[in-house]
Each structure stands twice: as C-alpha cells, then as structure tokens.
C-alpha cells in the first residue's frame, strides 16, 4: 500500500510539471531533436528541449523544484505530439519520468 501511495505522489508531481510546462508555453524555441524517439507515442521528430529554470525570467519555484527532481544527469524534453515531459539521457535517448518506459 505504501508503494502505491508513493507511485501516486510521483505521478502527481509529473502531472504538475506537465501542467506548468503547458501554462508557461514551453518550450519557447523551435529546435527539435531528430532521431530521438518518444517512448509513449513513437514520434521521432517532435522532441523539443525544455528550458532550464535559469534560462527563464521568473520561473515559478515549482518549475525549479521539478527540474531538480527529474532532470538528474540528463535534460528535460517535451514531445510536442503527445505532450509528455521526458528525460533525455546520454546513451539511452528519451525516457519517461516515472520509469515506465
């Protein structure tokens, strides 16, 4: 039961990040990573790098916190087709934030 509660909390934080990305209109640039495949929808031409909090004027505290939690050694990206926030990892490509892909 405790594991299930932790999974739900993780998915709530992922959804909060996804909502923030939509509200803030991110990414604000059009550069796409070609050849990086979205693990959810399979598109390989719609992956865009999300701006780091330091690149944004007045990024909300929640965005800073989410970036710190989810980016790790990689960077956060968005699939503009299915609107999933992903982590781009060296040698692995794009992976889901919940560890489900």
PDB file of N, CA and C in Angstrom:
ATOM      1  N   UNK A   1       0.819  -1.196   0.000  1.00  0.00           N
ATOM      2  CA  UNK A   1       0.000   0.000   0.000  1.00  0.00           C
ATOM      3  C   UNK A   1       0.864   1.261   0.000  1.00  0.00           C
ATOM      4  N   UNK A   2       1.972   1.231   0.746  1.00  0.00           N
ATOM      5  CA  UNK A   2       2.864   2.379   0.813  1.00  0.00           C
ATOM      6  C   UNK A   2       3.498   2.646  -0.547  1.00  0.00           C
ATOM      7  N   UNK A   3       3.866   1.582  -1.255  1.00  0.00           N
ATOM      8  CA  UNK A   3       4.450   1.731  -2.588  1.00  0.00           C
ATOM      9  C   UNK A   3       3.448   2.381  -3.532  1.00  0.00           C
ATOM     10  N   UNK A   4       2.221   1.974  -3.467  1.00  0.00           N
ATOM     11  CA  UNK A   4       1.166   2.547  -4.315  1.00  0.00           C
ATOM     12  C   UNK A   4       1.006   4.047  -4.039  1.00  0.00           C
ATOM     13  N   UNK A   5       1.054   4.436  -2.777  1.00  0.00           N
ATOM     14  CA  UNK A   5       0.933   5.854  -2.417  1.00  0.00           C
ATOM     15  C   UNK A   5       2.110   6.650  -2.976  1.00  0.00           C
ATOM     16  N   UNK A   6       3.308   6.075  -2.933  1.00  0.00           N
ATOM     17  CA  UNK A   6       4.484   6.755  -3.483  1.00  0.00           C
ATOM     18  C   UNK A   6       4.370   6.902  -4.993  1.00  0.00           C
ATOM     19  N   UNK A   7       3.875   5.864  -5.657  1.00  0.00           N
ATOM     20  CA  UNK A   7       3.674   5.946  -7.108  1.00  0.00           C
ATOM     21  C   UNK A   7       2.682   7.049  -7.454  1.00  0.00           C
ATOM     22  N   UNK A   8       1.612   7.147  -6.693  1.00  0.00           N
ATOM     23  CA  UNK A   8       0.610   8.188  -6.936  1.00  0.00           C
ATOM     24  C   UNK A   8       1.213   9.577  -6.729  1.00  0.00           C
ATOM     25  N   UNK A   9       2.021   9.739  -5.691  1.00  0.00           N
ATOM     26  CA  UNK A   9       2.677  11.027  -5.445  1.00  0.00           C
ATOM     27  C   UNK A   9       3.608  11.385  -6.595  1.00  0.00           C
ATOM     28  N   UNK A  10       4.348  10.394  -7.100  1.00  0.00           N
ATOM     29  CA  UNK A  10       5.248  10.626  -8.231  1.00  0.00           C
ATOM     30  C   UNK A  10       4.458  11.080  -9.448  1.00  0.00           C
ATOM     31  N   UNK A  11       3.377  10.394  -9.759  1.00  0.00           N
ATOM     32  CA  UNK A  11       2.572  10.762 -10.928  1.00  0.00           C
ATOM     33  C   UNK A  11       1.925  12.132 -10.759  1.00  0.00           C
ATOM     34  N   UNK A  12       1.572  12.491  -9.535  1.00  0.00           N
ATOM     35  CA  UNK A  12       1.029  13.835  -9.284  1.00  0.00           C
ATOM     36  C   UNK A  12       2.078  14.904  -9.561  1.00  0.00           C
ATOM     37  N   UNK A  13       3.332  14.647  -9.152  1.00  0.00           N
ATOM     38  CA  UNK A  13       4.411  15.610  -9.410  1.00  0.00           C
ATOM     39  C   UNK A  13       4.723  15.703 -10.903  1.00  0.00           C
ATOM     40  N   UNK A  14       4.671  14.573 -11.596  1.00  0.00           N
ATOM     41  CA  UNK A  14       4.889  14.581 -13.046  1.00  0.00           C
ATOM     42  C   UNK A  14       3.782  15.378 -13.730  1.00  0.00           C
ATOM     43  N   UNK A  15       2.558  15.160 -13.322  1.00  0.00           N
ATOM     44  CA  UNK A  15       1.429  15.888 -13.915  1.00  0.00           C
ATOM     45  C   UNK A  15       1.504  17.376 -13.589  1.00  0.00           C
ATOM     46  N   UNK A  16       1.972  17.719 -12.398  1.00  0.00           N
ATOM     47  CA  UNK A  16       2.148  19.132 -12.040  1.00  0.00           C
ATOM     48  C   UNK A  16       3.186  19.778 -12.957  1.00  0.00           C
ATOM     49  N   UNK A  17       4.283  19.078 -13.230  1.00  0.00           N
ATOM     50  CA  UNK A  17       5.302  19.601 -14.140  1.00  0.00           C
ATOM     51  C   UNK A  17       4.718  19.768 -15.537  1.00  0.00           C
ATOM     52  N   UNK A  18       4.001  18.780 -15.983  1.00  0.00           N
ATOM     53  CA  UNK A  18       3.384  18.844 -17.317  1.00  0.00           C
ATOM     54  C   UNK A  18       2.431  20.042 -17.416  1.00  0.00           C
ATOM     55  N   UNK A  19       1.650  20.276 -16.380  1.00  0.00           N
ATOM     56  CA  UNK A  19       0.735  21.420 -16.362  1.00  0.00           C
ATOM     57  C   UNK A  19       1.498  22.735 -16.378  1.00  0.00           C
ATOM     58  N   UNK A  20       2.579  22.813 -15.614  1.00  0.00           N
ATOM     59  CA  UNK A  20       3.410  24.021 -15.604  1.00  0.00           C
ATOM     60  C   UNK A  20       3.976  24.301 -16.991  1.00  0.00           C
ATOM     61  N   UNK A  21       4.451  23.256 -17.650  1.00  0.00           N
ATOM     62  CA  UNK A  21       5.013  23.409 -18.999  1.00  0.00           C
ATOM     63  C   UNK A  21       3.956  23.984 -19.938  1.00  0.00           C
ATOM     64  N   UNK A  22       2.733  23.487 -19.852  1.00  0.00           N
ATOM     65  CA  UNK A  22       1.658  23.979 -20.715  1.00  0.00           C
ATOM     66  C   UNK A  22       1.297  25.425 -20.363  1.00  0.00           C
ATOM     67  N   UNK A  23       1.152  25.718 -19.066  1.00  0.00           N
ATOM     68  CA  UNK A  23       0.790  27.072 -18.630  1.00  0.00           C
ATOM     69  C   UNK A  23       1.837  28.102 -19.032  1.00  0.00           C
ATOM     70  N   UNK A  24       3.110  27.709 -18.972  1.00  0.00           N
ATOM     71  CA  UNK A  24       4.205  28.624 -19.279  1.00  0.00           C
ATOM     72  C   UNK A  24       4.498  28.707 -20.780  1.00  0.00           C
ATOM     73  N   UNK A  25       3.824  27.867 -21.570  1.00  0.00           N
ATOM     74  CA  UNK A  25       4.040  27.885 -23.015  1.00  0.00           C
ATOM     75  C   UNK A  25       5.416  27.390 -23.421  1.00  0.00           C
ATOM     76  N   UNK A  26       5.908  26.387 -22.722  1.00  0.00           N
ATOM     77  CA  UNK A  26       7.230  25.837 -23.018  1.00  0.00           C
ATOM     78  C   UNK A  26       7.123  24.656 -23.974  1.00  0.00           C
ATOM     79  N   UNK A  27       8.118  24.391 -24.726  1.00  0.00           N
ATOM     80  CA  UNK A  27       9.340  25.170 -24.896  1.00  0.00           C
ATOM     81  C   UNK A  27       9.074  26.407 -25.747  1.00  0.00           C
ATOM     82  N   UNK A  28       9.911  27.409 -25.563  1.00  0.00           N
ATOM     83  CA  UNK A  28       9.727  28.677 -26.271  1.00  0.00           C
ATOM     84  C   UNK A  28      10.579  28.769 -27.529  1.00  0.00           C
ATOM     85  N   UNK A  29      11.264  27.733 -27.867  1.00  0.00           N
ATOM     86  CA  UNK A  29      12.076  27.709 -29.089  1.00  0.00           C
ATOM     87  C   UNK A  29      11.611  26.543 -29.957  1.00  0.00           C
ATOM     88  N   UNK A  30      12.030  26.522 -31.184  1.00  0.00           N
ATOM     89  CA  UNK A  30      11.551  25.507 -32.123  1.00  0.00           C
ATOM     90  C   UNK A  30      12.565  24.415 -32.445  1.00  0.00           C
ATOM     91  N   UNK A  31      13.713  24.400 -31.763  1.00  0.00           N
ATOM     92  CA  UNK A  31      14.707  23.381 -32.050  1.00  0.00           C
ATOM     93  C   UNK A  31      14.208  22.006 -31.613  1.00  0.00           C
ATOM     94  N   UNK A  32      14.237  21.049 -32.537  1.00  0.00           N
ATOM     95  CA  UNK A  32      13.806  19.691 -32.230  1.00  0.00           C
ATOM     96  C   UNK A  32      14.990  18.741 -32.333  1.00  0.00           C
ATOM     97  N   UNK A  33      14.944  17.683 -31.534  1.00  0.00           N
ATOM     98  CA  UNK A  33      15.941  16.615 -31.624  1.00  0.00           C
ATOM     99  C   UNK A  33      15.406  15.575 -32.605  1.00  0.00           C
ATOM    100  N   UNK A  34      15.996  15.485 -33.769  1.00  0.00           N
ATOM    101  CA  UNK A  34      15.560  14.480 -34.735  1.00  0.00           C
ATOM    102  C   UNK A  34      16.246  13.159 -34.432  1.00  0.00           C
ATOM    103  N   UNK A  35      15.492  12.083 -34.543  1.00  0.00           N
ATOM    104  CA  UNK A  35      16.041  10.764 -34.271  1.00  0.00           C
ATOM    105  C   UNK A  35      15.866  10.313 -32.833  1.00  0.00           C
ATOM    106  N   UNK A  36      15.421  11.197 -31.948  1.00  0.00           N
ATOM    107  CA  UNK A  36      15.119  10.814 -30.567  1.00  0.00           C
ATOM    108  C   UNK A  36      13.654  10.397 -30.545  1.00  0.00           C
ATOM    109  N   UNK A  37      13.394   9.174 -30.127  1.00  0.00           N
ATOM    110  CA  UNK A  37      12.045   8.610 -30.185  1.00  0.00           C
ATOM    111  C   UNK A  37      11.327   8.780 -28.851  1.00  0.00           C
ATOM    112  N   UNK A  38      10.083   9.241 -28.920  1.00  0.00           N
ATOM    113  CA  UNK A  38       9.244   9.335 -27.726  1.00  0.00           C
ATOM    114  C   UNK A  38       8.833   7.918 -27.319  1.00  0.00           C
ATOM    115  N   UNK A  39       9.073   7.529 -26.063  1.00  0.00           N
ATOM    116  CA  UNK A  39       8.703   6.181 -25.634  1.00  0.00           C
ATOM    117  C   UNK A  39       7.190   5.972 -25.513  1.00  0.00           C
ATOM    118  N   UNK A  40       6.407   7.045 -25.566  1.00  0.00           N
ATOM    119  CA  UNK A  40       4.957   6.927 -25.441  1.00  0.00           C
ATOM    120  C   UNK A  40       4.258   6.829 -26.790  1.00  0.00           C
ATOM    121  N   UNK A  41       4.597   7.734 -27.721  1.00  0.00           N
ATOM    122  CA  UNK A  41       3.872   7.761 -28.998  1.00  0.00           C
ATOM    123  C   UNK A  41       4.710   7.292 -30.185  1.00  0.00           C
ATOM    124  N   UNK A  42       6.019   7.168 -30.008  1.00  0.00           N
ATOM    125  CA  UNK A  42       6.877   6.674 -31.077  1.00  0.00           C
ATOM    126  C   UNK A  42       7.328   7.714 -32.086  1.00  0.00           C
ATOM    127  N   UNK A  43       6.920   8.956 -31.924  1.00  0.00           N
ATOM    128  CA  UNK A  43       7.345  10.012 -32.857  1.00  0.00           C
ATOM    129  C   UNK A  43       8.831  10.301 -32.653  1.00  0.00           C
ATOM    130  N   UNK A  44       9.524  10.598 -33.753  1.00  0.00           N
ATOM    131  CA  UNK A  44      10.962  10.857 -33.651  1.00  0.00           C
ATOM    132  C   UNK A  44      11.348  12.238 -34.164  1.00  0.00           C
ATOM    133  N   UNK A  45      10.366  13.068 -34.454  1.00  0.00           N
ATOM    134  CA  UNK A  45      10.677  14.412 -34.964  1.00  0.00           C
ATOM    135  C   UNK A  45       9.987  15.511 -34.155  1.00  0.00           C
ATOM    136  N   UNK A  46       9.483  15.172 -32.978  1.00  0.00           N
ATOM    137  CA  UNK A  46       8.696  16.129 -32.192  1.00  0.00           C
ATOM    138  C   UNK A  46       9.257  16.378 -30.801  1.00  0.00           C
ATOM    139  N   UNK A  47      10.489  15.960 -30.536  1.00  0.00           N
ATOM    140  CA  UNK A  47      11.089  16.108 -29.215  1.00  0.00           C
ATOM    141  C   UNK A  47      11.819  17.445 -29.133  1.00  0.00           C
ATOM    142  N   UNK A  48      11.412  18.282 -28.191  1.00  0.00           N
ATOM    143  CA  UNK A  48      11.980  19.623 -28.020  1.00  0.00           C
ATOM    144  C   UNK A  48      12.538  19.774 -26.609  1.00  0.00           C
ATOM    145  N   UNK A  49      13.693  20.405 -26.508  1.00  0.00           N
ATOM    146  CA  UNK A  49      14.333  20.637 -25.211  1.00  0.00           C
ATOM    147  C   UNK A  49      13.556  21.693 -24.433  1.00  0.00           C
ATOM    148  N   UNK A  50      13.296  21.397 -23.159  1.00  0.00           N
ATOM    149  CA  UNK A  50      12.680  22.388 -22.280  1.00  0.00           C
ATOM    150  C   UNK A  50      13.768  23.290 -21.705  1.00  0.00           C
ATOM    151  N   UNK A  51      13.422  24.539 -21.534  1.00  0.00           N
ATOM    152  CA  UNK A  51      14.361  25.490 -20.965  1.00  0.00           C
ATOM    153  C   UNK A  51      14.635  25.157 -19.499  1.00  0.00           C
ATOM    154  N   UNK A  52      15.894  25.307 -19.117  1.00  0.00           N
ATOM    155  CA  UNK A  52      16.242  25.177 -17.705  1.00  0.00           C
ATOM    156  C   UNK A  52      15.681  26.391 -16.971  1.00  0.00           C
ATOM    157  N   UNK A  53      15.401  26.258 -15.673  1.00  0.00           N
ATOM    158  CA  UNK A  53      14.853  27.398 -14.927  1.00  0.00           C
ATOM    159  C   UNK A  53      15.699  28.663 -15.048  1.00  0.00           C
ATOM    160  N   UNK A  54      17.010  28.515 -15.108  1.00  0.00           N
ATOM    161  CA  UNK A  54      17.889  29.690 -15.200  1.00  0.00           C
ATOM    162  C   UNK A  54      17.757  30.425 -16.534  1.00  0.00           C
ATOM    163  N   UNK A  55      17.199  29.767 -17.541  1.00  0.00           N
ATOM    164  CA  UNK A  55      17.010  30.388 -18.850  1.00  0.00           C
ATOM    165  C   UNK A  55      15.719  31.200 -18.930  1.00  0.00           C
ATOM    166  N   UNK A  56      14.878  31.089 -17.922  1.00  0.00           N
ATOM    167  CA  UNK A  56      13.567  31.737 -17.944  1.00  0.00           C
ATOM    168  C   UNK A  56      13.523  32.911 -16.975  1.00  0.00           C
ATOM    169  N   UNK A  57      12.806  33.937 -17.368  1.00  0.00           N
ATOM    170  CA  UNK A  57      12.573  35.059 -16.464  1.00  0.00           C
ATOM    171  C   UNK A  57      11.466  34.665 -15.489  1.00  0.00           C
ATOM    172  N   UNK A  58      11.769  34.728 -14.225  1.00  0.00           N
ATOM    173  CA  UNK A  58      10.781  34.483 -13.167  1.00  0.00           C
ATOM    174  C   UNK A  58      10.083  33.133 -13.294  1.00  0.00           C
ATOM    175  N   UNK A  59      10.854  32.072 -13.444  1.00  0.00           N
ATOM    176  CA  UNK A  59      10.263  30.728 -13.461  1.00  0.00           C
ATOM    177  C   UNK A  59       9.704  30.420 -12.073  1.00  0.00           C
ATOM    178  N   UNK A  60       8.519  29.831 -11.999  1.00  0.00           N
ATOM    179  CA  UNK A  60       7.937  29.510 -10.692  1.00  0.00           C
ATOM    180  C   UNK A  60       8.835  28.557  -9.895  1.00  0.00           C
ATOM    181  N   UNK A  61       8.747  28.656  -8.601  1.00  0.00           N
ATOM    182  CA  UNK A  61       9.526  27.798  -7.708  1.00  0.00           C
ATOM    183  C   UNK A  61       9.252  26.327  -8.013  1.00  0.00           C
ATOM    184  N   UNK A  62       8.016  25.991  -8.329  1.00  0.00           N
ATOM    185  CA  UNK A  62       7.652  24.604  -8.621  1.00  0.00           C
ATOM    186  C   UNK A  62       8.403  24.071  -9.838  1.00  0.00           C
ATOM    187  N   UNK A  63       8.663  24.938 -10.819  1.00  0.00           N
ATOM    188  CA  UNK A  63       9.411  24.521 -12.011  1.00  0.00           C
ATOM    189  C   UNK A  63      10.866  24.238 -11.635  1.00  0.00           C
ATOM    190  N   UNK A  64      11.449  25.096 -10.802  1.00  0.00           N
ATOM    191  CA  UNK A  64      12.813  24.855 -10.310  1.00  0.00           C
ATOM    192  C   UNK A  64      12.887  23.506  -9.590  1.00  0.00           C
ATOM    193  N   UNK A  65      11.933  23.280  -8.716  1.00  0.00           N
ATOM    194  CA  UNK A  65      11.902  22.059  -7.916  1.00  0.00           C
ATOM    195  C   UNK A  65      11.734  20.826  -8.807  1.00  0.00           C
ATOM    196  N   UNK A  66      10.823  20.878  -9.756  1.00  0.00           N
ATOM    197  CA  UNK A  66      10.587  19.746 -10.652  1.00  0.00           C
ATOM    198  C   UNK A  66      11.813  19.473 -11.513  1.00  0.00           C
ATOM    199  N   UNK A  67      12.455  20.530 -12.009  1.00  0.00           N
ATOM    200  CA  UNK A  67      13.651  20.347 -12.833  1.00  0.00           C
ATOM    201  C   UNK A  67      14.723  19.629 -12.020  1.00  0.00           C
ATOM    202  N   UNK A  68      14.896  20.060 -10.767  1.00  0.00           N
ATOM    203  CA  UNK A  68      15.892  19.448  -9.893  1.00  0.00           C
ATOM    204  C   UNK A  68      15.575  17.975  -9.653  1.00  0.00           C
ATOM    205  N   UNK A  69      14.314  17.665  -9.453  1.00  0.00           N
ATOM    206  CA  UNK A  69      13.911  16.287  -9.163  1.00  0.00           C
ATOM    207  C   UNK A  69      14.035  15.374 -10.374  1.00  0.00           C
ATOM    208  N   UNK A  70      13.626  15.840 -11.537  1.00  0.00           N
ATOM    209  CA  UNK A  70      13.501  14.951 -12.690  1.00  0.00           C
ATOM    210  C   UNK A  70      14.640  14.987 -13.701  1.00  0.00           C
ATOM    211  N   UNK A  71      15.382  16.068 -13.804  1.00  0.00           N
ATOM    212  CA  UNK A  71      16.410  16.154 -14.845  1.00  0.00           C
ATOM    213  C   UNK A  71      17.593  15.236 -14.566  1.00  0.00           C
ATOM    214  N   UNK A  72      18.021  15.137 -13.323  1.00  0.00           N
ATOM    215  CA  UNK A  72      19.161  14.285 -12.994  1.00  0.00           C
ATOM    216  C   UNK A  72      20.379  14.659 -13.814  1.00  0.00           C
ATOM    217  N   UNK A  73      21.024  13.664 -14.412  1.00  0.00           N
ATOM    218  CA  UNK A  73      22.204  13.889 -15.249  1.00  0.00           C
ATOM    219  C   UNK A  73      21.821  14.244 -16.683  1.00  0.00           C
ATOM    220  N   UNK A  74      20.551  14.172 -16.999  1.00  0.00           N
ATOM    221  CA  UNK A  74      20.104  14.464 -18.360  1.00  0.00           C
ATOM    222  C   UNK A  74      19.491  15.847 -18.458  1.00  0.00           C
ATOM    223  N   UNK A  75      18.595  15.990 -19.422  1.00  0.00           N
ATOM    224  CA  UNK A  75      17.851  17.238 -19.559  1.00  0.00           C
ATOM    225  C   UNK A  75      16.400  16.886 -19.830  1.00  0.00           C
ATOM    226  N   UNK A  76      15.515  17.812 -19.530  1.00  0.00           N
ATOM    227  CA  UNK A  76      14.097  17.573 -19.742  1.00  0.00           C
ATOM    228  C   UNK A  76      13.704  18.024 -21.133  1.00  0.00           C
ATOM    229  N   UNK A  77      12.869  17.206 -21.760  1.00  0.00           N
ATOM    230  CA  UNK A  77      12.383  17.485 -23.107  1.00  0.00           C
ATOM    231  C   UNK A  77      10.879  17.250 -23.133  1.00  0.00           C
ATOM    232  N   UNK A  78      10.233  17.767 -24.168  1.00  0.00           N
ATOM    233  CA  UNK A  78       8.788  17.607 -24.334  1.00  0.00           C
ATOM    234  C   UNK A  78       8.515  17.018 -25.700  1.00  0.00           C
ATOM    235  N   UNK A  79       7.669  15.998 -25.748  1.00  0.00           N
ATOM    236  CA  UNK A  79       7.176  15.509 -27.033  1.00  0.00           C
ATOM    237  C   UNK A  79       5.994  16.398 -27.388  1.00  0.00           C
ATOM    238  N   UNK A  80       6.131  17.156 -28.451  1.00  0.00           N
ATOM    239  CA  UNK A  80       5.065  18.083 -28.834  1.00  0.00           C
ATOM    240  C   UNK A  80       3.881  17.369 -29.481  1.00  0.00           C
ATOM    241  N   UNK A  81       4.001  16.071 -29.740  1.00  0.00           N
ATOM    242  CA  UNK A  81       2.873  15.327 -30.293  1.00  0.00           C
ATOM    243  C   UNK A  81       1.951  14.844 -29.173  1.00  0.00           C
ATOM    244  N   UNK A  82       2.505  14.121 -28.203  1.00  0.00           N
ATOM    245  CA  UNK A  82       1.665  13.568 -27.131  1.00  0.00           C
ATOM    246  C   UNK A  82       1.737  14.380 -25.837  1.00  0.00           C
ATOM    247  N   UNK A  83       2.568  15.433 -25.815  1.00  0.00           N
ATOM    248  CA  UNK A  83       2.681  16.379 -24.697  1.00  0.00           C
ATOM    249  C   UNK A  83       3.241  15.748 -23.418  1.00  0.00           C
ATOM    250  N   UNK A  84       4.024  14.691 -23.560  1.00  0.00           N
ATOM    251  CA  UNK A  84       4.668  14.070 -22.403  1.00  0.00           C
ATOM    252  C   UNK A  84       6.010  14.730 -22.131  1.00  0.00           C
ATOM    253  N   UNK A  85       6.293  15.004 -20.864  1.00  0.00           N
ATOM    254  CA  UNK A  85       7.603  15.504 -20.463  1.00  0.00           C
ATOM    255  C   UNK A  85       8.487  14.281 -20.236  1.00  0.00           C
ATOM    256  N   UNK A  86       9.682  14.315 -20.815  1.00  0.00           N
ATOM    257  CA  UNK A  86      10.607  13.188 -20.778  1.00  0.00           C
ATOM    258  C   UNK A  86      11.969  13.653 -20.302  1.00  0.00           C
ATOM    259  N   UNK A  87      12.822  12.685 -19.980  1.00  0.00           N
ATOM    260  CA  UNK A  87      14.214  12.994 -19.657  1.00  0.00           C
ATOM    261  C   UNK A  87      15.071  12.423 -20.782  1.00  0.00           C
ATOM    262  N   UNK A  88      15.964  13.249 -21.293  1.00  0.00           N
ATOM    263  CA  UNK A  88      16.894  12.823 -22.332  1.00  0.00           C
ATOM    264  C   UNK A  88      18.177  12.400 -21.641  1.00  0.00           C
ATOM    265  N   UNK A  89      18.511  11.112 -21.755  1.00  0.00           N
ATOM    266  CA  UNK A  89      19.685  10.572 -21.084  1.00  0.00           C
ATOM    267  C   UNK A  89      20.738  10.172 -22.101  1.00  0.00           C
ATOM    268  N   UNK A  90      21.988  10.460 -21.779  1.00  0.00           N
ATOM    269  CA  UNK A  90      23.105  10.112 -22.646  1.00  0.00           C
ATOM    270  C   UNK A  90      23.121   8.600 -22.882  1.00  0.00           C
ATOM    271  N   UNK A  91      23.136   8.199 -24.120  1.00  0.00           N
ATOM    272  CA  UNK A  91      23.220   6.790 -24.461  1.00  0.00           C
ATOM    273  C   UNK A  91      21.913   6.021 -24.384  1.00  0.00           C
ATOM    274  N   UNK A  92      20.859   6.618 -23.835  1.00  0.00           N
ATOM    275  CA  UNK A  92      19.570   5.932 -23.698  1.00  0.00           C
ATOM    276  C   UNK A  92      18.467   6.582 -24.511  1.00  0.00           C
ATOM    277  N   UNK A  93      18.616   7.835 -24.839  1.00  0.00           N
ATOM    278  CA  UNK A  93      17.560   8.559 -25.528  1.00  0.00           C
ATOM    279  C   UNK A  93      16.554   9.108 -24.537  1.00  0.00           C
ATOM    280  N   UNK A  94      15.319   9.267 -24.986  1.00  0.00           N
ATOM    281  CA  UNK A  94      14.261   9.824 -24.145  1.00  0.00           C
ATOM    282  C   UNK A  94      13.616   8.717 -23.317  1.00  0.00           C
ATOM    283  N   UNK A  95      13.442   8.993 -22.036  1.00  0.00           N
ATOM    284  CA  UNK A  95      12.799   8.039 -21.133  1.00  0.00           C
ATOM    285  C   UNK A  95      11.706   8.756 -20.345  1.00  0.00           C
ATOM    286  N   UNK A  96      10.699   8.009 -19.952  1.00  0.00           N
ATOM    287  CA  UNK A  96       9.619   8.574 -19.149  1.00  0.00           C
ATOM    288  C   UNK A  96      10.096   8.941 -17.753  1.00  0.00           C
ATOM    289  N   UNK A  97       9.504   9.949 -17.171  1.00  0.00           N
ATOM    290  CA  UNK A  97       9.911  10.409 -15.844  1.00  0.00           C
ATOM    291  C   UNK A  97       9.525   9.433 -14.748  1.00  0.00           C
ATOM    292  N   UNK A  98       8.510   8.624 -15.000  1.00  0.00           N
ATOM    293  CA  UNK A  98       8.056   7.677 -13.987  1.00  0.00           C
ATOM    294  C   UNK A  98       8.769   6.342 -14.031  1.00  0.00           C
ATOM    295  N   UNK A  99       9.749   6.214 -14.906  1.00  0.00           N
ATOM    296  CA  UNK A  99      10.485   4.959 -15.013  1.00  0.00           C
ATOM    297  C   UNK A  99       9.685   3.855 -15.671  1.00  0.00           C
ATOM    298  N   UNK A 100       8.639   4.233 -16.401  1.00  0.00           N
ATOM    299  CA  UNK A 100       7.755   3.239 -17.017  1.00  0.00           C
ATOM    300  C   UNK A 100       8.037   3.029 -18.490  1.00  0.00           C
ATOM    301  N   UNK A 101       9.096   3.606 -19.004  1.00  0.00           N
ATOM    302  CA  UNK A 101       9.357   3.445 -20.431  1.00  0.00           C
ATOM    303  C   UNK A 101      10.798   3.064 -20.663  1.00  0.00           C
TER     304      UNK A 101
END
